[in-house]
Amino acid sequence: MITSLIGLLIFCADIFAIVNIVRSSLPTGNKVLWCLLVFVLPVLGLIIWFAAGPRDGKGLRLN
């Protein structure tokens, strides 16, 4: 039960990250690389995206 909940939370966070990546102003090639990273390495990719992913000028996550 707990592992299913954790898996669902990771899945939702990955979808959120991918949506933010696609909506960002990055070039298409960079978007593809970020999405692949999050898709192939769901937990590690999410952590890397959160730390180094695209941000707006104020340092906030793009929405």
PDB file of N, CA and C in Angstrom:
ATOM      1  N   MET A   1       0.823  -1.198   0.000  1.00  0.00           N
ATOM      2  CA  MET A   1       0.000   0.000   0.000  1.00  0.00           C
ATOM      3  C   MET A   1       0.866   1.260   0.000  1.00  0.00           C
ATOM      4  N   ILE A   2       1.847   1.302   0.894  1.00  0.00           N
ATOM      5  CA  ILE A   2       2.716   2.478   0.989  1.00  0.00           C
ATOM      6  C   ILE A   2       3.548   2.640  -0.278  1.00  0.00           C
ATOM      7  N   THR A   3       4.084   1.524  -0.801  1.00  0.00           N
ATOM      8  CA  THR A   3       4.897   1.623  -2.011  1.00  0.00           C
ATOM      9  C   THR A   3       4.067   2.090  -3.204  1.00  0.00           C
ATOM     10  N   SER A   4       2.804   1.696  -3.253  1.00  0.00           N
ATOM     11  CA  SER A   4       1.928   2.160  -4.325  1.00  0.00           C
ATOM     12  C   SER A   4       1.696   3.660  -4.225  1.00  0.00           C
ATOM     13  N   LEU A   5       1.521   4.152  -3.031  1.00  0.00           N
ATOM     14  CA  LEU A   5       1.318   5.586  -2.809  1.00  0.00           C
ATOM     15  C   LEU A   5       2.574   6.368  -3.184  1.00  0.00           C
ATOM     16  N   ILE A   6       3.732   5.865  -2.795  1.00  0.00           N
ATOM     17  CA  ILE A   6       4.990   6.531  -3.148  1.00  0.00           C
ATOM     18  C   ILE A   6       5.167   6.545  -4.662  1.00  0.00           C
ATOM     19  N   GLY A   7       4.879   5.418  -5.310  1.00  0.00           N
ATOM     20  CA  GLY A   7       4.970   5.350  -6.760  1.00  0.00           C
ATOM     21  C   GLY A   7       4.038   6.334  -7.447  1.00  0.00           C
ATOM     22  N   LEU A   8       2.821   6.458  -6.931  1.00  0.00           N
ATOM     23  CA  LEU A   8       1.860   7.408  -7.490  1.00  0.00           C
ATOM     24  C   LEU A   8       2.331   8.846  -7.310  1.00  0.00           C
ATOM     25  N   LEU A   9       2.897   9.168  -6.156  1.00  0.00           N
ATOM     26  CA  LEU A   9       3.412  10.517  -5.914  1.00  0.00           C
ATOM     27  C   LEU A   9       4.576  10.845  -6.847  1.00  0.00           C
ATOM     28  N   ILE A  10       5.469   9.884  -7.050  1.00  0.00           N
ATOM     29  CA  ILE A  10       6.583  10.095  -7.970  1.00  0.00           C
ATOM     30  C   ILE A  10       6.072  10.281  -9.391  1.00  0.00           C
ATOM     31  N   PHE A  11       5.103   9.475  -9.786  1.00  0.00           N
ATOM     32  CA  PHE A  11       4.507   9.598 -11.112  1.00  0.00           C
ATOM     33  C   PHE A  11       3.888  10.981 -11.307  1.00  0.00           C
ATOM     34  N   CYS A  12       3.131  11.453 -10.335  1.00  0.00           N
ATOM     35  CA  CYS A  12       2.501  12.778 -10.428  1.00  0.00           C
ATOM     36  C   CYS A  12       3.556  13.890 -10.485  1.00  0.00           C
ATOM     37  N   ALA A  13       4.609  13.760  -9.680  1.00  0.00           N
ATOM     38  CA  ALA A  13       5.678  14.762  -9.698  1.00  0.00           C
ATOM     39  C   ALA A  13       6.396  14.764 -11.045  1.00  0.00           C
ATOM     40  N   ASP A  14       6.598  13.585 -11.624  1.00  0.00           N
ATOM     41  CA  ASP A  14       7.235  13.511 -12.937  1.00  0.00           C
ATOM     42  C   ASP A  14       6.360  14.151 -14.012  1.00  0.00           C
ATOM     43  N   ILE A  15       5.075  13.903 -13.972  1.00  0.00           N
ATOM     44  CA  ILE A  15       4.160  14.536 -14.933  1.00  0.00           C
ATOM     45  C   ILE A  15       4.200  16.057 -14.779  1.00  0.00           C
ATOM     46  N   PHE A  16       4.204  16.539 -13.540  1.00  0.00           N
ATOM     47  CA  PHE A  16       4.296  17.977 -13.278  1.00  0.00           C
ATOM     48  C   PHE A  16       5.587  18.539 -13.870  1.00  0.00           C
ATOM     49  N   ALA A  17       6.706  17.842 -13.665  1.00  0.00           N
ATOM     50  CA  ALA A  17       7.992  18.293 -14.193  1.00  0.00           C
ATOM     51  C   ALA A  17       7.971  18.326 -15.719  1.00  0.00           C
ATOM     52  N   ILE A  18       7.446  17.280 -16.341  1.00  0.00           N
ATOM     53  CA  ILE A  18       7.417  17.222 -17.802  1.00  0.00           C
ATOM     54  C   ILE A  18       6.535  18.325 -18.380  1.00  0.00           C
ATOM     55  N   VAL A  19       5.404  18.591 -17.752  1.00  0.00           N
ATOM     56  CA  VAL A  19       4.533  19.684 -18.218  1.00  0.00           C
ATOM     57  C   VAL A  19       5.267  21.018 -18.119  1.00  0.00           C
ATOM     58  N   ASN A  20       5.975  21.241 -17.018  1.00  0.00           N
ATOM     59  CA  ASN A  20       6.725  22.488 -16.867  1.00  0.00           C
ATOM     60  C   ASN A  20       7.864  22.586 -17.871  1.00  0.00           C
ATOM     61  N   ILE A  21       8.501  21.475 -18.161  1.00  0.00           N
ATOM     62  CA  ILE A  21       9.574  21.476 -19.155  1.00  0.00           C
ATOM     63  C   ILE A  21       9.016  21.838 -20.526  1.00  0.00           C
ATOM     64  N   VAL A  22       7.916  21.200 -20.917  1.00  0.00           N
ATOM     65  CA  VAL A  22       7.324  21.442 -22.237  1.00  0.00           C
ATOM     66  C   VAL A  22       6.848  22.883 -22.360  1.00  0.00           C
ATOM     67  N   ARG A  23       6.341  23.462 -21.294  1.00  0.00           N
ATOM     68  CA  ARG A  23       5.823  24.832 -21.336  1.00  0.00           C
ATOM     69  C   ARG A  23       6.919  25.882 -21.205  1.00  0.00           C
ATOM     70  N   SER A  24       8.156  25.472 -20.934  1.00  0.00           N
ATOM     71  CA  SER A  24       9.244  26.428 -20.756  1.00  0.00           C
ATOM     72  C   SER A  24       9.663  27.025 -22.097  1.00  0.00           C
ATOM     73  N   SER A  25      10.525  28.030 -22.039  1.00  0.00           N
ATOM     74  CA  SER A  25      10.993  28.702 -23.250  1.00  0.00           C
ATOM     75  C   SER A  25      12.300  28.105 -23.773  1.00  0.00           C
ATOM     76  N   LEU A  26      12.662  26.934 -23.308  1.00  0.00           N
ATOM     77  CA  LEU A  26      13.875  26.272 -23.777  1.00  0.00           C
ATOM     78  C   LEU A  26      13.762  25.884 -25.239  1.00  0.00           C
ATOM     79  N   PRO A  27      14.900  25.748 -25.916  1.00  0.00           N
ATOM     80  CA  PRO A  27      14.859  25.201 -27.282  1.00  0.00           C
ATOM     81  C   PRO A  27      14.339  23.764 -27.259  1.00  0.00           C
ATOM     82  N   THR A  28      13.786  23.319 -28.363  1.00  0.00           N
ATOM     83  CA  THR A  28      13.158  21.999 -28.437  1.00  0.00           C
ATOM     84  C   THR A  28      14.114  20.873 -28.057  1.00  0.00           C
ATOM     85  N   GLY A  29      15.351  20.952 -28.497  1.00  0.00           N
ATOM     86  CA  GLY A  29      16.326  19.909 -28.174  1.00  0.00           C
ATOM     87  C   GLY A  29      16.552  19.775 -26.674  1.00  0.00           C
ATOM     88  N   ASN A  30      16.637  20.902 -25.995  1.00  0.00           N
ATOM     89  CA  ASN A  30      16.816  20.876 -24.539  1.00  0.00           C
ATOM     90  C   ASN A  30      15.587  20.299 -23.842  1.00  0.00           C
ATOM     91  N   LYS A  31      14.405  20.639 -24.340  1.00  0.00           N
ATOM     92  CA  LYS A  31      13.173  20.098 -23.768  1.00  0.00           C
ATOM     93  C   LYS A  31      13.152  18.578 -23.878  1.00  0.00           C
ATOM     94  N   VAL A  32      13.550  18.078 -25.056  1.00  0.00           N
ATOM     95  CA  VAL A  32      13.563  16.629 -25.273  1.00  0.00           C
ATOM     96  C   VAL A  32      14.535  15.959 -24.307  1.00  0.00           C
ATOM     97  N   LEU A  33      15.721  16.529 -24.143  1.00  0.00           N
ATOM     98  CA  LEU A  33      16.707  15.948 -23.230  1.00  0.00           C
ATOM     99  C   LEU A  33      16.215  15.947 -21.784  1.00  0.00           C
ATOM    100  N   TRP A  34      15.620  17.048 -21.347  1.00  0.00           N
ATOM    101  CA  TRP A  34      15.086  17.111 -19.983  1.00  0.00           C
ATOM    102  C   TRP A  34      13.971  16.088 -19.786  1.00  0.00           C
ATOM    103  N   CYS A  35      13.061  16.001 -20.763  1.00  0.00           N
ATOM    104  CA  CYS A  35      11.954  15.047 -20.651  1.00  0.00           C
ATOM    105  C   CYS A  35      12.467  13.612 -20.617  1.00  0.00           C
ATOM    106  N   LEU A  36      13.459  13.302 -21.437  1.00  0.00           N
ATOM    107  CA  LEU A  36      14.047  11.964 -21.424  1.00  0.00           C
ATOM    108  C   LEU A  36      14.692  11.655 -20.079  1.00  0.00           C
ATOM    109  N   LEU A  37      15.389  12.627 -19.512  1.00  0.00           N
ATOM    110  CA  LEU A  37      16.019  12.427 -18.212  1.00  0.00           C
ATOM    111  C   LEU A  37      14.975  12.122 -17.147  1.00  0.00           C
ATOM    112  N   VAL A  38      13.900  12.885 -17.123  1.00  0.00           N
ATOM    113  CA  VAL A  38      12.852  12.668 -16.124  1.00  0.00           C
ATOM    114  C   VAL A  38      12.125  11.348 -16.382  1.00  0.00           C
ATOM    115  N   PHE A  39      11.946  10.990 -17.653  1.00  0.00           N
ATOM    116  CA  PHE A  39      11.234   9.768 -17.991  1.00  0.00           C
ATOM    117  C   PHE A  39      12.067   8.514 -17.703  1.00  0.00           C
ATOM    118  N   VAL A  40      13.341   8.538 -18.063  1.00  0.00           N
ATOM    119  CA  VAL A  40      14.200   7.362 -17.913  1.00  0.00           C
ATOM    120  C   VAL A  40      14.631   7.160 -16.461  1.00  0.00           C
ATOM    121  N   LEU A  41      14.906   8.240 -15.758  1.00  0.00           N
ATOM    122  CA  LEU A  41      15.318   8.171 -14.350  1.00  0.00           C
ATOM    123  C   LEU A  41      14.303   8.948 -13.507  1.00  0.00           C
ATOM    124  N   PRO A  42      13.158   8.355 -13.211  1.00  0.00           N
ATOM    125  CA  PRO A  42      12.061   9.113 -12.596  1.00  0.00           C
ATOM    126  C   PRO A  42      12.435   9.847 -11.306  1.00  0.00           C
ATOM    127  N   VAL A  43      13.106   9.195 -10.392  1.00  0.00           N
ATOM    128  CA  VAL A  43      13.414   9.847  -9.118  1.00  0.00           C
ATOM    129  C   VAL A  43      14.624  10.759  -9.272  1.00  0.00           C
ATOM    130  N   LEU A  44      15.718  10.234  -9.801  1.00  0.00           N
ATOM    131  CA  LEU A  44      16.934  11.024  -9.959  1.00  0.00           C
ATOM    132  C   LEU A  44      16.716  12.171 -10.944  1.00  0.00           C
ATOM    133  N   GLY A  45      16.028  11.901 -12.038  1.00  0.00           N
ATOM    134  CA  GLY A  45      15.738  12.948 -13.010  1.00  0.00           C
ATOM    135  C   GLY A  45      14.902  14.069 -12.418  1.00  0.00           C
ATOM    136  N   LEU A  46      13.952  13.705 -11.580  1.00  0.00           N
ATOM    137  CA  LEU A  46      13.120  14.708 -10.920  1.00  0.00           C
ATOM    138  C   LEU A  46      13.947  15.579  -9.971  1.00  0.00           C
ATOM    139  N   ILE A  47      14.843  14.948  -9.244  1.00  0.00           N
ATOM    140  CA  ILE A  47      15.714  15.694  -8.320  1.00  0.00           C
ATOM    141  C   ILE A  47      16.627  16.638  -9.102  1.00  0.00           C
ATOM    142  N   ILE A  48      17.215  16.137 -10.193  1.00  0.00           N
ATOM    143  CA  ILE A  48      18.090  16.980 -11.008  1.00  0.00           C
ATOM    144  C   ILE A  48      17.300  18.129 -11.625  1.00  0.00           C
ATOM    145  N   TRP A  49      16.098  17.837 -12.142  1.00  0.00           N
ATOM    146  CA  TRP A  49      15.273  18.901 -12.721  1.00  0.00           C
ATOM    147  C   TRP A  49      14.920  19.950 -11.677  1.00  0.00           C
ATOM    148  N   PHE A  50      14.575  19.491 -10.475  1.00  0.00           N
ATOM    149  CA  PHE A  50      14.201  20.446  -9.422  1.00  0.00           C
ATOM    150  C   PHE A  50      15.379  21.346  -9.061  1.00  0.00           C
ATOM    151  N   ALA A  51      16.592  20.791  -9.060  1.00  0.00           N
ATOM    152  CA  ALA A  51      17.770  21.567  -8.686  1.00  0.00           C
ATOM    153  C   ALA A  51      18.282  22.451  -9.822  1.00  0.00           C
ATOM    154  N   ALA A  52      18.212  21.964 -11.064  1.00  0.00           N
ATOM    155  CA  ALA A  52      18.871  22.672 -12.154  1.00  0.00           C
ATOM    156  C   ALA A  52      17.966  22.944 -13.351  1.00  0.00           C
ATOM    157  N   GLY A  53      16.695  22.667 -13.238  1.00  0.00           N
ATOM    158  CA  GLY A  53      15.792  22.814 -14.376  1.00  0.00           C
ATOM    159  C   GLY A  53      15.498  24.250 -14.730  1.00  0.00           C
ATOM    160  N   PRO A  54      14.715  24.459 -15.799  1.00  0.00           N
ATOM    161  CA  PRO A  54      14.417  25.812 -16.274  1.00  0.00           C
ATOM    162  C   PRO A  54      13.646  26.634 -15.240  1.00  0.00           C
ATOM    163  N   ARG A  55      14.048  27.870 -15.106  1.00  0.00           N
ATOM    164  CA  ARG A  55      13.394  28.796 -14.176  1.00  0.00           C
ATOM    165  C   ARG A  55      13.158  30.117 -14.901  1.00  0.00           C
ATOM    166  N   ASP A  56      12.249  30.929 -14.368  1.00  0.00           N
ATOM    167  CA  ASP A  56      12.075  32.248 -14.949  1.00  0.00           C
ATOM    168  C   ASP A  56      13.130  33.188 -14.362  1.00  0.00           C
ATOM    169  N   GLY A  57      13.083  34.445 -14.679  1.00  0.00           N
ATOM    170  CA  GLY A  57      14.093  35.394 -14.237  1.00  0.00           C
ATOM    171  C   GLY A  57      14.181  35.596 -12.748  1.00  0.00           C
ATOM    172  N   LYS A  58      13.146  35.271 -12.002  1.00  0.00           N
ATOM    173  CA  LYS A  58      13.116  35.476 -10.555  1.00  0.00           C
ATOM    174  C   LYS A  58      13.560  34.246  -9.788  1.00  0.00           C
ATOM    175  N   GLY A  59      13.984  33.211 -10.488  1.00  0.00           N
ATOM    176  CA  GLY A  59      14.401  31.986  -9.821  1.00  0.00           C
ATOM    177  C   GLY A  59      13.238  31.074  -9.463  1.00  0.00           C
ATOM    178  N   LEU A  60      12.070  31.361 -10.014  1.00  0.00           N
ATOM    179  CA  LEU A  60      10.894  30.545  -9.718  1.00  0.00           C
ATOM    180  C   LEU A  60      10.650  29.554 -10.833  1.00  0.00           C
ATOM    181  N   ARG A  61      10.018  28.444 -10.501  1.00  0.00           N
ATOM    182  CA  ARG A  61       9.696  27.402 -11.457  1.00  0.00           C
ATOM    183  C   ARG A  61       8.734  27.952 -12.502  1.00  0.00           C
ATOM    184  N   LEU A  62       8.961  27.661 -13.774  1.00  0.00           N
ATOM    185  CA  LEU A  62       8.061  28.091 -14.838  1.00  0.00           C
ATOM    186  C   LEU A  62       6.752  27.345 -14.776  1.00  0.00           C
ATOM    187  N   ASN A  63       5.650  28.023 -15.005  1.00  0.00           N
ATOM    188  CA  ASN A  63       4.331  27.369 -15.024  1.00  0.00           C
ATOM    189  C   ASN A  63       3.623  27.635 -16.301  1.00  0.00           C
TER     190      ASN A  63
END
